[in-house]
PDB file of N, CA and C in Angstrom:
ATOM      1  N   MET A   1       0.848  -1.163   0.000  1.00  0.00           N
ATOM      2  CA  MET A   1       0.000   0.000   0.000  1.00  0.00           C
ATOM      3  C   MET A   1       0.898   1.232   0.000  1.00  0.00           C
ATOM      4  N   ILE A   2       0.419   2.275  -0.643  1.00  0.00           N
ATOM      5  CA  ILE A   2       1.085   3.567  -0.554  1.00  0.00           C
ATOM      6  C   ILE A   2       0.124   4.523   0.138  1.00  0.00           C
ATOM      7  N   ALA A   3       0.631   5.243   1.110  1.00  0.00           N
ATOM      8  CA  ALA A   3      -0.157   6.252   1.819  1.00  0.00           C
ATOM      9  C   ALA A   3       0.433   7.615   1.484  1.00  0.00           C
ATOM     10  N   ILE A   4      -0.445   8.573   1.251  1.00  0.00           N
ATOM     11  CA  ILE A   4      -0.011   9.916   0.896  1.00  0.00           C
ATOM     12  C   ILE A   4      -0.630  10.892   1.877  1.00  0.00           C
ATOM     13  N   ASP A   5       0.204  11.774   2.398  1.00  0.00           N
ATOM     14  CA  ASP A   5      -0.286  12.826   3.282  1.00  0.00           C
ATOM     15  C   ASP A   5       0.248  14.147   2.757  1.00  0.00           C
ATOM     16  N   SER A   6      -0.561  15.164   2.851  1.00  0.00           N
ATOM     17  CA  SER A   6      -0.118  16.492   2.430  1.00  0.00           C
ATOM     18  C   SER A   6      -0.425  17.480   3.543  1.00  0.00           C
ATOM     19  N   TRP A   7       0.415  18.485   3.640  1.00  0.00           N
ATOM     20  CA  TRP A   7       0.199  19.509   4.660  1.00  0.00           C
ATOM     21  C   TRP A   7       0.936  20.776   4.265  1.00  0.00           C
ATOM     22  N   THR A   8       0.592  21.857   4.959  1.00  0.00           N
ATOM     23  CA  THR A   8       1.245  23.142   4.781  1.00  0.00           C
ATOM     24  C   THR A   8       1.926  23.510   6.088  1.00  0.00           C
ATOM     25  N   SER A   9       3.181  23.899   6.003  1.00  0.00           N
ATOM     26  CA  SER A   9       3.953  24.237   7.200  1.00  0.00           C
ATOM     27  C   SER A   9       3.555  25.607   7.737  1.00  0.00           C
ATOM     28  N   ASN A  10       4.092  25.951   8.894  1.00  0.00           N
ATOM     29  CA  ASN A  10       3.845  27.268   9.492  1.00  0.00           C
ATOM     30  C   ASN A  10       4.373  28.392   8.617  1.00  0.00           C
ATOM     31  N   HIS A  11       5.323  28.071   7.741  1.00  0.00           N
ATOM     32  CA  HIS A  11       5.906  29.062   6.842  1.00  0.00           C
ATOM     33  C   HIS A  11       5.272  29.013   5.452  1.00  0.00           C
ATOM     34  N   SER A  12       4.128  28.356   5.351  1.00  0.00           N
ATOM     35  CA  SER A  12       3.338  28.268   4.112  1.00  0.00           C
ATOM     36  C   SER A  12       3.994  27.444   3.012  1.00  0.00           C
ATOM     37  N   TYR A  13       4.878  26.520   3.383  1.00  0.00           N
ATOM     38  CA  TYR A  13       5.408  25.569   2.412  1.00  0.00           C
ATOM     39  C   TYR A  13       4.470  24.373   2.344  1.00  0.00           C
ATOM     40  N   SER A  14       4.272  23.868   1.154  1.00  0.00           N
ATOM     41  CA  SER A  14       3.360  22.750   0.937  1.00  0.00           C
ATOM     42  C   SER A  14       4.156  21.471   0.693  1.00  0.00           C
ATOM     43  N   TYR A  15       3.840  20.422   1.459  1.00  0.00           N
ATOM     44  CA  TYR A  15       4.570  19.159   1.382  1.00  0.00           C
ATOM     45  C   TYR A  15       3.642  17.981   1.122  1.00  0.00           C
ATOM     46  N   PHE A  16       4.188  16.981   0.432  1.00  0.00           N
ATOM     47  CA  PHE A  16       3.542  15.680   0.274  1.00  0.00           C
ATOM     48  C   PHE A  16       4.507  14.635   0.827  1.00  0.00           C
ATOM     49  N   ALA A  17       3.988  13.697   1.589  1.00  0.00           N
ATOM     50  CA  ALA A  17       4.781  12.559   2.066  1.00  0.00           C
ATOM     51  C   ALA A  17       4.224  11.300   1.425  1.00  0.00           C
ATOM     52  N   PHE A  18       5.117  10.467   0.912  1.00  0.00           N
ATOM     53  CA  PHE A  18       4.746   9.196   0.303  1.00  0.00           C
ATOM     54  C   PHE A  18       5.291   8.086   1.191  1.00  0.00           C
ATOM     55  N   ILE A  19       4.414   7.293   1.761  1.00  0.00           N
ATOM     56  CA  ILE A  19       4.786   6.249   2.713  1.00  0.00           C
ATOM     57  C   ILE A  19       4.390   4.896   2.148  1.00  0.00           C
ATOM     58  N   ILE A  20       5.324   3.966   2.158  1.00  0.00           N
ATOM     59  CA  ILE A  20       5.073   2.605   1.691  1.00  0.00           C
ATOM     60  C   ILE A  20       4.776   1.743   2.910  1.00  0.00           C
ATOM     61  N   VAL A  21       3.678   0.991   2.854  1.00  0.00           N
ATOM     62  CA  VAL A  21       3.316   0.060   3.924  1.00  0.00           C
ATOM     63  C   VAL A  21       3.342  -1.345   3.318  1.00  0.00           C
ATOM     64  N   THR A  22       4.171  -2.208   3.887  1.00  0.00           N
ATOM     65  CA  THR A  22       4.334  -3.564   3.355  1.00  0.00           C
ATOM     66  C   THR A  22       3.236  -4.492   3.867  1.00  0.00           C
ATOM     67  N   SER A  23       3.179  -5.682   3.301  1.00  0.00           N
ATOM     68  CA  SER A  23       2.183  -6.670   3.741  1.00  0.00           C
ATOM     69  C   SER A  23       2.418  -7.104   5.186  1.00  0.00           C
ATOM     70  N   SER A  24       3.635  -6.937   5.682  1.00  0.00           N
ATOM     71  CA  SER A  24       3.916  -7.253   7.094  1.00  0.00           C
ATOM     72  C   SER A  24       3.749  -6.023   7.993  1.00  0.00           C
ATOM     73  N   LYS A  25       3.135  -4.968   7.431  1.00  0.00           N
ATOM     74  CA  LYS A  25       2.780  -3.731   8.135  1.00  0.00           C
ATOM     75  C   LYS A  25       3.974  -2.866   8.530  1.00  0.00           C
ATOM     76  N   LYS A  26       5.107  -3.070   7.886  1.00  0.00           N
ATOM     77  CA  LYS A  26       6.242  -2.176   8.101  1.00  0.00           C
ATOM     78  C   LYS A  26       6.026  -0.928   7.259  1.00  0.00           C
ATOM     79  N   GLN A  27       6.415   0.213   7.816  1.00  0.00           N
ATOM     80  CA  GLN A  27       6.219   1.483   7.131  1.00  0.00           C
ATOM     81  C   GLN A  27       7.568   2.106   6.788  1.00  0.00           C
ATOM     82  N   TYR A  28       7.659   2.602   5.555  1.00  0.00           N
ATOM     83  CA  TYR A  28       8.878   3.245   5.083  1.00  0.00           C
ATOM     84  C   TYR A  28       8.507   4.564   4.418  1.00  0.00           C
ATOM     85  N   VAL A  29       9.198   5.621   4.797  1.00  0.00           N
ATOM     86  CA  VAL A  29       8.988   6.899   4.123  1.00  0.00           C
ATOM     87  C   VAL A  29       9.746   6.833   2.802  1.00  0.00           C
ATOM     88  N   HIS A  30       9.000   6.848   1.715  1.00  0.00           N
ATOM     89  CA  HIS A  30       9.622   6.840   0.383  1.00  0.00           C
ATOM     90  C   HIS A  30      10.234   8.208   0.112  1.00  0.00           C
ATOM     91  N   SER A  31       9.431   9.258   0.339  1.00  0.00           N
ATOM     92  CA  SER A  31       9.921  10.606   0.075  1.00  0.00           C
ATOM     93  C   SER A  31       8.988  11.630   0.706  1.00  0.00           C
ATOM     94  N   ILE A  32       9.550  12.780   0.973  1.00  0.00           N
ATOM     95  CA  ILE A  32       8.787  13.963   1.374  1.00  0.00           C
ATOM     96  C   ILE A  32       9.201  15.042   0.393  1.00  0.00           C
ATOM     97  N   LYS A  33       8.224  15.576  -0.322  1.00  0.00           N
ATOM     98  CA  LYS A  33       8.531  16.512  -1.397  1.00  0.00           C
ATOM     99  C   LYS A  33       7.878  17.866  -1.140  1.00  0.00           C
ATOM    100  N   ASN A  34       8.622  18.912  -1.458  1.00  0.00           N
ATOM    101  CA  ASN A  34       8.126  20.273  -1.331  1.00  0.00           C
ATOM    102  C   ASN A  34       7.466  20.652  -2.658  1.00  0.00           C
ATOM    103  N   TYR A  35       6.157  20.831  -2.615  1.00  0.00           N
ATOM    104  CA  TYR A  35       5.408  21.201  -3.816  1.00  0.00           C
ATOM    105  C   TYR A  35       4.824  22.598  -3.686  1.00  0.00           C
ATOM    106  N   SER A  36       5.530  23.472  -2.991  1.00  0.00           N
ATOM    107  CA  SER A  36       5.035  24.830  -2.767  1.00  0.00           C
ATOM    108  C   SER A  36       4.829  25.594  -4.067  1.00  0.00           C
ATOM    109  N   SER A  37       5.651  25.327  -5.053  1.00  0.00           N
ATOM    110  CA  SER A  37       5.565  26.063  -6.316  1.00  0.00           C
ATOM    111  C   SER A  37       4.635  25.396  -7.329  1.00  0.00           C
ATOM    112  N   LYS A  38       3.987  24.319  -6.927  1.00  0.00           N
ATOM    113  CA  LYS A  38       3.124  23.566  -7.843  1.00  0.00           C
ATOM    114  C   LYS A  38       1.654  23.753  -7.487  1.00  0.00           C
ATOM    115  N   SER A  39       0.815  23.703  -8.482  1.00  0.00           N
ATOM    116  CA  SER A  39      -0.628  23.698  -8.269  1.00  0.00           C
ATOM    117  C   SER A  39      -1.058  22.262  -7.998  1.00  0.00           C
ATOM    118  N   HIS A  40      -1.753  22.048  -6.916  1.00  0.00           N
ATOM    119  CA  HIS A  40      -2.100  20.685  -6.489  1.00  0.00           C
ATOM    120  C   HIS A  40      -3.366  20.177  -7.178  1.00  0.00           C
ATOM    121  N   THR A  41      -3.319  20.140  -8.484  1.00  0.00           N
ATOM    122  CA  THR A  41      -4.453  19.635  -9.248  1.00  0.00           C
ATOM    123  C   THR A  41      -4.474  18.114  -9.183  1.00  0.00           C
ATOM    124  N   ALA A  42      -5.582  17.546  -9.550  1.00  0.00           N
ATOM    125  CA  ALA A  42      -5.698  16.088  -9.570  1.00  0.00           C
ATOM    126  C   ALA A  42      -4.716  15.486 -10.572  1.00  0.00           C
ATOM    127  N   LEU A  43      -4.527  16.125 -11.702  1.00  0.00           N
ATOM    128  CA  LEU A  43      -3.605  15.604 -12.715  1.00  0.00           C
ATOM    129  C   LEU A  43      -2.161  15.627 -12.204  1.00  0.00           C
ATOM    130  N   PHE A  44      -1.752  16.733 -11.607  1.00  0.00           N
ATOM    131  CA  PHE A  44      -0.400  16.812 -11.035  1.00  0.00           C
ATOM    132  C   PHE A  44      -0.215  15.746  -9.962  1.00  0.00           C
ATOM    133  N   THR A  45      -1.185  15.630  -9.071  1.00  0.00           N
ATOM    134  CA  THR A  45      -1.099  14.673  -7.968  1.00  0.00           C
ATOM    135  C   THR A  45      -1.039  13.242  -8.486  1.00  0.00           C
ATOM    136  N   SER A  46      -1.863  12.910  -9.469  1.00  0.00           N
ATOM    137  CA  SER A  46      -1.841  11.545 -10.016  1.00  0.00           C
ATOM    138  C   SER A  46      -0.499  11.246 -10.674  1.00  0.00           C
ATOM    139  N   ASP A  47       0.087  12.220 -11.351  1.00  0.00           N
ATOM    140  CA  ASP A  47       1.408  12.020 -11.964  1.00  0.00           C
ATOM    141  C   ASP A  47       2.469  11.726 -10.899  1.00  0.00           C
ATOM    142  N   GLU A  48       2.404  12.438  -9.778  1.00  0.00           N
ATOM    143  CA  GLU A  48       3.382  12.234  -8.708  1.00  0.00           C
ATOM    144  C   GLU A  48       3.187  10.874  -8.035  1.00  0.00           C
ATOM    145  N   ILE A  49       1.957  10.464  -7.843  1.00  0.00           N
ATOM    146  CA  ILE A  49       1.681   9.141  -7.267  1.00  0.00           C
ATOM    147  C   ILE A  49       2.185   8.053  -8.207  1.00  0.00           C
ATOM    148  N   GLU A  50       1.930   8.218  -9.497  1.00  0.00           N
ATOM    149  CA  GLU A  50       2.369   7.216 -10.471  1.00  0.00           C
ATOM    150  C   GLU A  50       3.890   7.081 -10.499  1.00  0.00           C
ATOM    151  N   LYS A  51       4.616   8.171 -10.304  1.00  0.00           N
ATOM    152  CA  LYS A  51       6.083   8.099 -10.259  1.00  0.00           C
ATOM    153  C   LYS A  51       6.543   7.192  -9.117  1.00  0.00           C
ATOM    154  N   VAL A  52       5.897   7.326  -7.961  1.00  0.00           N
ATOM    155  CA  VAL A  52       6.258   6.482  -6.812  1.00  0.00           C
ATOM    156  C   VAL A  52       5.888   5.034  -7.096  1.00  0.00           C
ATOM    157  N   LEU A  53       4.704   4.808  -7.657  1.00  0.00           N
ATOM    158  CA  LEU A  53       4.281   3.442  -7.984  1.00  0.00           C
ATOM    159  C   LEU A  53       5.254   2.790  -8.960  1.00  0.00           C
ATOM    160  N   GLU A  54       5.727   3.558  -9.923  1.00  0.00           N
ATOM    161  CA  GLU A  54       6.654   3.023 -10.928  1.00  0.00           C
ATOM    162  C   GLU A  54       8.013   2.667 -10.327  1.00  0.00           C
ATOM    163  N   ASP A  55       8.387   3.328  -9.229  1.00  0.00           N
ATOM    164  CA  ASP A  55       9.660   3.007  -8.568  1.00  0.00           C
ATOM    165  C   ASP A  55       9.706   1.549  -8.118  1.00  0.00           C
ATOM    166  N   PHE A  56       8.555   1.012  -7.745  1.00  0.00           N
ATOM    167  CA  PHE A  56       8.489  -0.346  -7.204  1.00  0.00           C
ATOM    168  C   PHE A  56       7.764  -1.324  -8.111  1.00  0.00           C
ATOM    169  N   GLY A  57       7.007  -0.813  -9.062  1.00  0.00           N
ATOM    170  CA  GLY A  57       6.144  -1.641  -9.896  1.00  0.00           C
ATOM    171  C   GLY A  57       4.726  -1.548  -9.370  1.00  0.00           C
ATOM    172  N   ALA A  58       3.856  -0.953 -10.133  1.00  0.00           N
ATOM    173  CA  ALA A  58       2.486  -0.692  -9.683  1.00  0.00           C
ATOM    174  C   ALA A  58       1.752  -1.956  -9.258  1.00  0.00           C
ATOM    175  N   ALA A  59       2.080  -3.085  -9.853  1.00  0.00           N
ATOM    176  CA  ALA A  59       1.387  -4.341  -9.526  1.00  0.00           C
ATOM    177  C   ALA A  59       1.638  -4.787  -8.090  1.00  0.00           C
ATOM    178  N   LYS A  60       2.659  -4.244  -7.449  1.00  0.00           N
ATOM    179  CA  LYS A  60       2.968  -4.628  -6.069  1.00  0.00           C
ATOM    180  C   LYS A  60       2.091  -3.912  -5.042  1.00  0.00           C
ATOM    181  N   PHE A  61       1.274  -2.963  -5.485  1.00  0.00           N
ATOM    182  CA  PHE A  61       0.459  -2.173  -4.567  1.00  0.00           C
ATOM    183  C   PHE A  61      -0.996  -2.593  -4.630  1.00  0.00           C
ATOM    184  N   ALA A  62      -1.575  -2.801  -3.463  1.00  0.00           N
ATOM    185  CA  ALA A  62      -2.980  -3.191  -3.386  1.00  0.00           C
ATOM    186  C   ALA A  62      -3.886  -1.982  -3.213  1.00  0.00           C
ATOM    187  N   ALA A  63      -3.326  -0.850  -2.740  1.00  0.00           N
ATOM    188  CA  ALA A  63      -4.174   0.309  -2.466  1.00  0.00           C
ATOM    189  C   ALA A  63      -3.343   1.581  -2.434  1.00  0.00           C
ATOM    190  N   VAL A  64      -4.026   2.682  -2.690  1.00  0.00           N
ATOM    191  CA  VAL A  64      -3.478   4.019  -2.494  1.00  0.00           C
ATOM    192  C   VAL A  64      -4.396   4.698  -1.494  1.00  0.00           C
ATOM    193  N   VAL A  65      -3.823   5.143  -0.376  1.00  0.00           N
ATOM    194  CA  VAL A  65      -4.615   5.723   0.707  1.00  0.00           C
ATOM    195  C   VAL A  65      -4.219   7.184   0.878  1.00  0.00           C
ATOM    196  N   SER A  66      -5.226   8.046   1.039  1.00  0.00           N
ATOM    197  CA  SER A  66      -4.968   9.476   1.236  1.00  0.00           C
ATOM    198  C   SER A  66      -6.115  10.084   2.021  1.00  0.00           C
ATOM    199  N   ASN A  67      -6.007  11.385   2.229  1.00  0.00           N
ATOM    200  CA  ASN A  67      -7.139  12.080   2.836  1.00  0.00           C
ATOM    201  C   ASN A  67      -8.242  12.220   1.788  1.00  0.00           C
ATOM    202  N   SER A  68      -9.315  12.861   2.157  1.00  0.00           N
ATOM    203  CA  SER A  68     -10.466  12.941   1.246  1.00  0.00           C
ATOM    204  C   SER A  68     -10.519  14.251   0.463  1.00  0.00           C
ATOM    205  N   ALA A  69      -9.410  14.954   0.367  1.00  0.00           N
ATOM    206  CA  ALA A  69      -9.391  16.177  -0.432  1.00  0.00           C
ATOM    207  C   ALA A  69      -9.826  15.858  -1.856  1.00  0.00           C
ATOM    208  N   SER A  70     -10.548  16.766  -2.456  1.00  0.00           N
ATOM    209  CA  SER A  70     -11.123  16.486  -3.776  1.00  0.00           C
ATOM    210  C   SER A  70     -10.053  16.180  -4.817  1.00  0.00           C
ATOM    211  N   ALA A  71      -8.923  16.894  -4.790  1.00  0.00           N
ATOM    212  CA  ALA A  71      -7.863  16.623  -5.773  1.00  0.00           C
ATOM    213  C   ALA A  71      -7.265  15.235  -5.569  1.00  0.00           C
ATOM    214  N   MET A  72      -7.126  14.811  -4.317  1.00  0.00           N
ATOM    215  CA  MET A  72      -6.594  13.464  -4.037  1.00  0.00           C
ATOM    216  C   MET A  72      -7.566  12.396  -4.517  1.00  0.00           C
ATOM    217  N   SER A  73      -8.835  12.587  -4.225  1.00  0.00           N
ATOM    218  CA  SER A  73      -9.846  11.604  -4.634  1.00  0.00           C
ATOM    219  C   SER A  73      -9.882  11.464  -6.150  1.00  0.00           C
ATOM    220  N   LEU A  74      -9.853  12.586  -6.846  1.00  0.00           N
ATOM    221  CA  LEU A  74      -9.879  12.556  -8.307  1.00  0.00           C
ATOM    222  C   LEU A  74      -8.570  11.983  -8.863  1.00  0.00           C
ATOM    223  N   ALA A  75      -7.449  12.294  -8.232  1.00  0.00           N
ATOM    224  CA  ALA A  75      -6.156  11.756  -8.678  1.00  0.00           C
ATOM    225  C   ALA A  75      -6.169  10.240  -8.644  1.00  0.00           C
ATOM    226  N   LYS A  76      -6.722   9.667  -7.587  1.00  0.00           N
ATOM    227  CA  LYS A  76      -6.781   8.202  -7.489  1.00  0.00           C
ATOM    228  C   LYS A  76      -7.675   7.619  -8.578  1.00  0.00           C
ATOM    229  N   GLN A  77      -8.725   8.336  -8.966  1.00  0.00           N
ATOM    230  CA  GLN A  77      -9.573   7.861 -10.064  1.00  0.00           C
ATOM    231  C   GLN A  77      -8.794   7.868 -11.378  1.00  0.00           C
ATOM    232  N   TYR A  78      -7.934   8.849 -11.581  1.00  0.00           N
ATOM    233  CA  TYR A  78      -7.107   8.897 -12.794  1.00  0.00           C
ATOM    234  C   TYR A  78      -6.177   7.689 -12.870  1.00  0.00           C
ATOM    235  N   ILE A  79      -5.656   7.275 -11.714  1.00  0.00           N
ATOM    236  CA  ILE A  79      -4.700   6.166 -11.683  1.00  0.00           C
ATOM    237  C   ILE A  79      -5.401   4.837 -11.918  1.00  0.00           C
ATOM    238  N   PHE A  80      -6.542   4.651 -11.263  1.00  0.00           N
ATOM    239  CA  PHE A  80      -7.243   3.372 -11.345  1.00  0.00           C
ATOM    240  C   PHE A  80      -8.380   3.535 -12.283  1.00  0.00           C
TER     241      PHE A  80
END
């Protein structure tokens, strides 16, 4: 599974964290990326998720988990 979290820092920087969760429930931070200069559209978000999936092979992932923000929800629809 890949879990994605996004947040804005106290200094107004925008971050995405990509976390890999294995079948044995071990968690690994794949990356934390600063997307302050990017528009967080569903298309941009889906492209970034797909890059992480491609690092390991998309077939190895059973799910993509995120918050319910509209861009995240739509991004997951683009992928699947």
